[in-house]
Amino acid sequence: MLALGATGCAPVEEPEAPPPGSDGNTSEKLESLTVASAGSMRGYSRERFPHWRDTGKNCDVRDSVLARDGSDIKRSGCNVVAGRWESVYDNRAFTDPSDVDVDHVVPLANAWRSGADEWDDAQRGEFANDLTRPQLIAVSASSNRAKGDQDPSQWKPANRSHWCAYAENWVTVKHHWQLSVTSAEKAALADMLEECV
């Protein structure tokens, strides 16, 4: 879908939300992931994952996700200033974008500990701004901050009906980016995938 900003703002291509686990069998992908202990956080900072890239005049990836995941979107220029968002993590609804965070489904620090420490900053930027895989999602700020950099063995959405999609999304992202999982993380993902009926 194409979203047009105000006069003088270039059209911004709004990505469609990819369906969870849309590019193959999620259980097979999970089995194919390398199991390894979590790596060191040495050298990590969020700045090593340049994110919220420009996607048009005065727009960035955050605006693109807010527009994609919301309804009744209102803009000032290209910035999303109002709308309605349903946070699938905790079943809460919001109309103020300042109450909404764009979550990295696989957190940046988790990616660092599972292989992204060996990437260059350009590849880390691709990961942090990935609008093609189900890596970015608009959710309540409180749920995003409660999650932090924890994997599914440490944190799961309060909304259990989202567990299947969450696990599928997590596995899809890790599989595409060839990131490892810990044994506890893999077990938790397998349990969550049992919710997929």
Protein backbone atom coordinates (compact mmCIF):
# COMPACT_ATOMS: atom_id res chain seq x y z
CA MET A 1 0.00 0.00 0.00
CA LEU A 2 1.27 3.48 -0.83
CA ALA A 3 1.00 6.20 1.78
CA LEU A 4 1.22 9.81 0.64
CA GLY A 5 2.53 12.44 2.98
CA ALA A 6 1.85 16.16 2.92
CA THR A 7 2.73 18.39 -0.01
CA GLY A 8 6.41 18.14 -0.81
CA CYS A 9 6.78 14.78 0.91
CA ALA A 10 7.80 11.92 -1.33
CA PRO A 11 5.46 8.89 -1.41
CA VAL A 12 6.53 6.29 1.10
CA GLU A 13 6.03 2.63 0.32
CA GLU A 14 4.41 1.12 3.41
CA PRO A 15 5.44 -2.53 3.76
CA GLU A 16 2.73 -5.13 4.18
CA ALA A 17 2.95 -7.08 7.42
CA PRO A 18 4.45 -10.45 6.53
CA PRO A 19 2.45 -13.41 7.77
CA PRO A 20 4.10 -15.29 10.64
CA GLY A 21 6.40 -18.08 9.51
CA SER A 22 5.36 -17.40 5.94
CA ASP A 23 8.42 -18.78 4.17
CA GLY A 24 8.42 -22.44 5.22
CA ASN A 25 7.79 -24.89 8.03
CA THR A 26 8.66 -23.22 11.31
CA SER A 27 9.40 -26.43 13.23
CA GLU A 28 11.87 -27.49 10.53
CA LYS A 29 13.50 -24.07 10.65
CA LEU A 30 13.80 -24.29 14.43
CA GLU A 31 15.48 -27.69 14.14
CA SER A 32 17.97 -26.27 11.63
CA LEU A 33 19.12 -23.46 13.93
CA THR A 34 22.54 -23.79 15.56
CA VAL A 35 22.30 -24.36 19.30
CA ALA A 36 25.03 -22.53 21.21
CA SER A 37 25.63 -20.79 24.50
CA ALA A 38 24.88 -17.07 24.51
CA GLY A 39 27.94 -15.08 23.49
CA SER A 40 29.60 -12.21 25.29
CA MET A 41 28.17 -8.69 25.39
CA ARG A 42 31.69 -7.27 25.04
CA GLY A 43 31.68 -4.45 22.49
CA TYR A 44 27.88 -4.22 22.30
CA SER A 45 25.97 -0.97 22.02
CA ARG A 46 22.72 -0.08 20.26
CA GLU A 47 24.75 2.31 18.10
CA ARG A 48 26.34 -0.76 16.49
CA PHE A 49 22.88 -1.43 14.98
CA PRO A 50 22.07 1.85 13.16
CA HIS A 51 18.28 1.93 13.19
CA TRP A 52 15.27 3.98 12.25
CA ARG A 53 16.61 4.73 8.79
CA ASP A 54 15.07 7.46 6.69
CA THR A 55 12.22 6.21 4.49
CA GLY A 56 11.25 9.55 2.96
CA LYS A 57 11.35 13.25 3.76
CA ASN A 58 11.25 13.54 7.56
CA CYS A 59 10.11 9.86 7.83
CA ASP A 60 11.89 6.86 9.21
CA VAL A 61 11.39 3.13 9.71
CA ARG A 62 9.53 3.76 12.97
CA ASP A 63 6.95 5.86 11.08
CA SER A 64 6.65 3.09 8.49
CA VAL A 65 5.93 0.45 11.15
CA LEU A 66 3.46 2.69 13.01
CA ALA A 67 1.61 3.33 9.75
CA ARG A 68 1.66 -0.35 8.75
CA ASP A 69 0.49 -1.70 12.12
CA GLY A 70 -2.06 0.98 12.98
CA SER A 71 -5.42 2.14 11.71
CA ASP A 72 -6.92 5.62 11.24
CA ILE A 73 -3.38 6.95 10.84
CA LYS A 74 -2.87 10.71 10.91
CA ARG A 75 0.34 12.38 9.83
CA SER A 76 2.07 15.70 10.16
CA GLY A 77 4.09 15.80 7.01
CA CYS A 78 5.44 12.27 7.00
CA ASN A 79 5.49 11.75 10.76
CA VAL A 80 2.78 9.57 12.29
CA VAL A 81 1.11 11.71 14.99
CA ALA A 82 -2.09 9.79 15.74
CA GLY A 83 -3.92 6.56 14.98
CA ARG A 84 -5.02 3.42 16.74
CA TRP A 85 -2.76 0.52 17.67
CA GLU A 86 -3.62 -2.86 19.19
CA SER A 87 -0.66 -4.30 21.10
CA VAL A 88 -0.71 -8.05 20.49
CA TYR A 89 1.70 -8.63 23.37
CA ASP A 90 -0.80 -7.55 26.03
CA ASN A 91 -4.14 -6.82 24.27
CA ARG A 92 -3.99 -3.10 25.00
CA ALA A 93 -5.11 -0.35 22.61
CA PHE A 94 -3.54 3.08 22.11
CA THR A 95 -4.26 6.24 20.14
CA ASP A 96 -1.11 8.20 21.03
CA PRO A 97 2.02 7.03 19.17
CA SER A 98 4.17 8.07 22.13
CA ASP A 99 2.60 5.16 24.06
CA VAL A 100 3.70 2.72 21.36
CA ASP A 101 7.16 1.25 20.86
CA VAL A 102 8.46 -0.46 17.75
CA ASP A 103 9.82 -3.73 19.10
CA HIS A 104 12.65 -5.68 17.52
CA VAL A 105 11.12 -9.16 17.85
CA VAL A 106 14.64 -10.56 18.17
CA PRO A 107 16.23 -7.88 20.36
CA LEU A 108 19.44 -6.24 19.19
CA ALA A 109 21.39 -7.44 22.24
CA ASN A 110 20.10 -10.98 21.76
CA ALA A 111 21.21 -10.87 18.13
CA TRP A 112 24.65 -9.68 19.26
CA ARG A 113 24.96 -12.64 21.64
CA SER A 114 23.84 -15.08 18.94
CA GLY A 115 26.11 -14.12 16.06
CA ALA A 116 25.61 -10.47 15.09
CA ASP A 117 28.78 -9.52 16.99
CA GLU A 118 30.66 -10.92 13.98
CA TRP A 119 28.78 -8.78 11.44
CA ASP A 120 29.81 -5.32 10.31
CA ASP A 121 27.68 -2.32 11.25
CA ALA A 122 26.11 -2.20 7.79
CA GLN A 123 24.71 -5.72 8.17
CA ARG A 124 23.59 -4.93 11.71
CA GLY A 125 21.77 -1.90 10.28
CA GLU A 126 19.98 -4.14 7.79
CA PHE A 127 18.87 -6.37 10.66
CA ALA A 128 17.72 -3.47 12.85
CA ASN A 129 15.63 -1.96 10.02
CA ASP A 130 14.31 -5.24 8.54
CA LEU A 131 10.83 -4.54 7.21
CA THR A 132 10.75 -7.71 5.11
CA ARG A 133 10.86 -10.32 7.87
CA PRO A 134 8.48 -10.13 10.89
CA GLN A 135 11.20 -8.41 12.95
CA LEU A 136 9.52 -5.06 13.69
CA ILE A 137 6.14 -4.69 15.38
CA ALA A 138 4.26 -1.85 17.07
CA VAL A 139 3.41 -2.82 20.67
CA SER A 140 2.78 -1.13 23.99
CA ALA A 141 5.83 0.65 25.38
CA SER A 142 5.34 -1.14 28.70
CA SER A 143 5.42 -4.63 27.16
CA ASN A 144 8.45 -3.80 25.04
CA ARG A 145 10.35 -2.52 28.05
CA ALA A 146 9.33 -5.51 30.18
CA LYS A 147 10.69 -7.77 27.45
CA GLY A 148 14.01 -5.95 27.16
CA ASP A 149 16.60 -8.21 25.51
CA GLN A 150 15.16 -11.46 26.86
CA ASP A 151 14.60 -14.55 24.72
CA PRO A 152 11.41 -16.69 24.87
CA SER A 153 12.80 -18.83 27.70
CA GLN A 154 12.90 -15.66 29.82
CA TRP A 155 9.92 -13.63 28.55
CA LYS A 156 6.72 -14.42 26.68
CA PRO A 157 3.86 -12.10 25.71
CA ALA A 158 1.20 -11.83 28.44
CA ASN A 159 -1.33 -12.50 25.66
CA ARG A 160 -1.01 -16.28 25.31
CA SER A 161 -3.04 -16.29 22.08
CA HIS A 162 -0.07 -14.52 20.46
CA TRP A 163 2.48 -17.18 21.49
CA CYS A 164 2.22 -19.12 18.24
CA ALA A 165 2.80 -16.05 16.05
CA TYR A 166 5.53 -14.76 18.35
CA ALA A 167 7.46 -18.03 18.18
CA GLU A 168 6.98 -18.26 14.41
CA ASN A 169 8.21 -14.70 13.97
CA TRP A 170 11.23 -15.28 16.26
CA VAL A 171 12.25 -18.45 14.41
CA THR A 172 11.72 -16.85 10.98
CA VAL A 173 14.01 -13.94 11.90
CA LYS A 174 16.72 -16.11 13.47
CA HIS A 175 16.61 -18.54 10.55
CA HIS A 176 16.92 -15.84 7.90
CA TRP A 177 19.76 -14.06 9.70
CA GLN A 178 21.49 -17.34 10.64
CA LEU A 179 21.56 -16.55 14.34
CA SER A 180 21.99 -19.23 16.98
CA VAL A 181 19.64 -20.18 19.82
CA THR A 182 20.40 -21.41 23.31
CA SER A 183 19.07 -24.81 24.35
CA ALA A 184 16.58 -23.14 26.74
CA GLU A 185 15.46 -20.73 24.02
CA LYS A 186 14.93 -23.61 21.57
CA ALA A 187 12.89 -25.58 24.12
CA ALA A 188 10.72 -22.55 24.90
CA LEU A 189 10.11 -21.91 21.19
CA ALA A 190 9.13 -25.55 20.64
CA ASP A 191 6.65 -25.29 23.53
CA MET A 192 5.19 -22.07 22.15
CA LEU A 193 4.80 -23.59 18.69
CA GLU A 194 2.51 -26.21 20.22
CA GLU A 195 0.00 -23.33 20.55
CA CYS A 196 -0.25 -23.27 16.73
CA VAL A 197 -3.51 -25.11 16.07
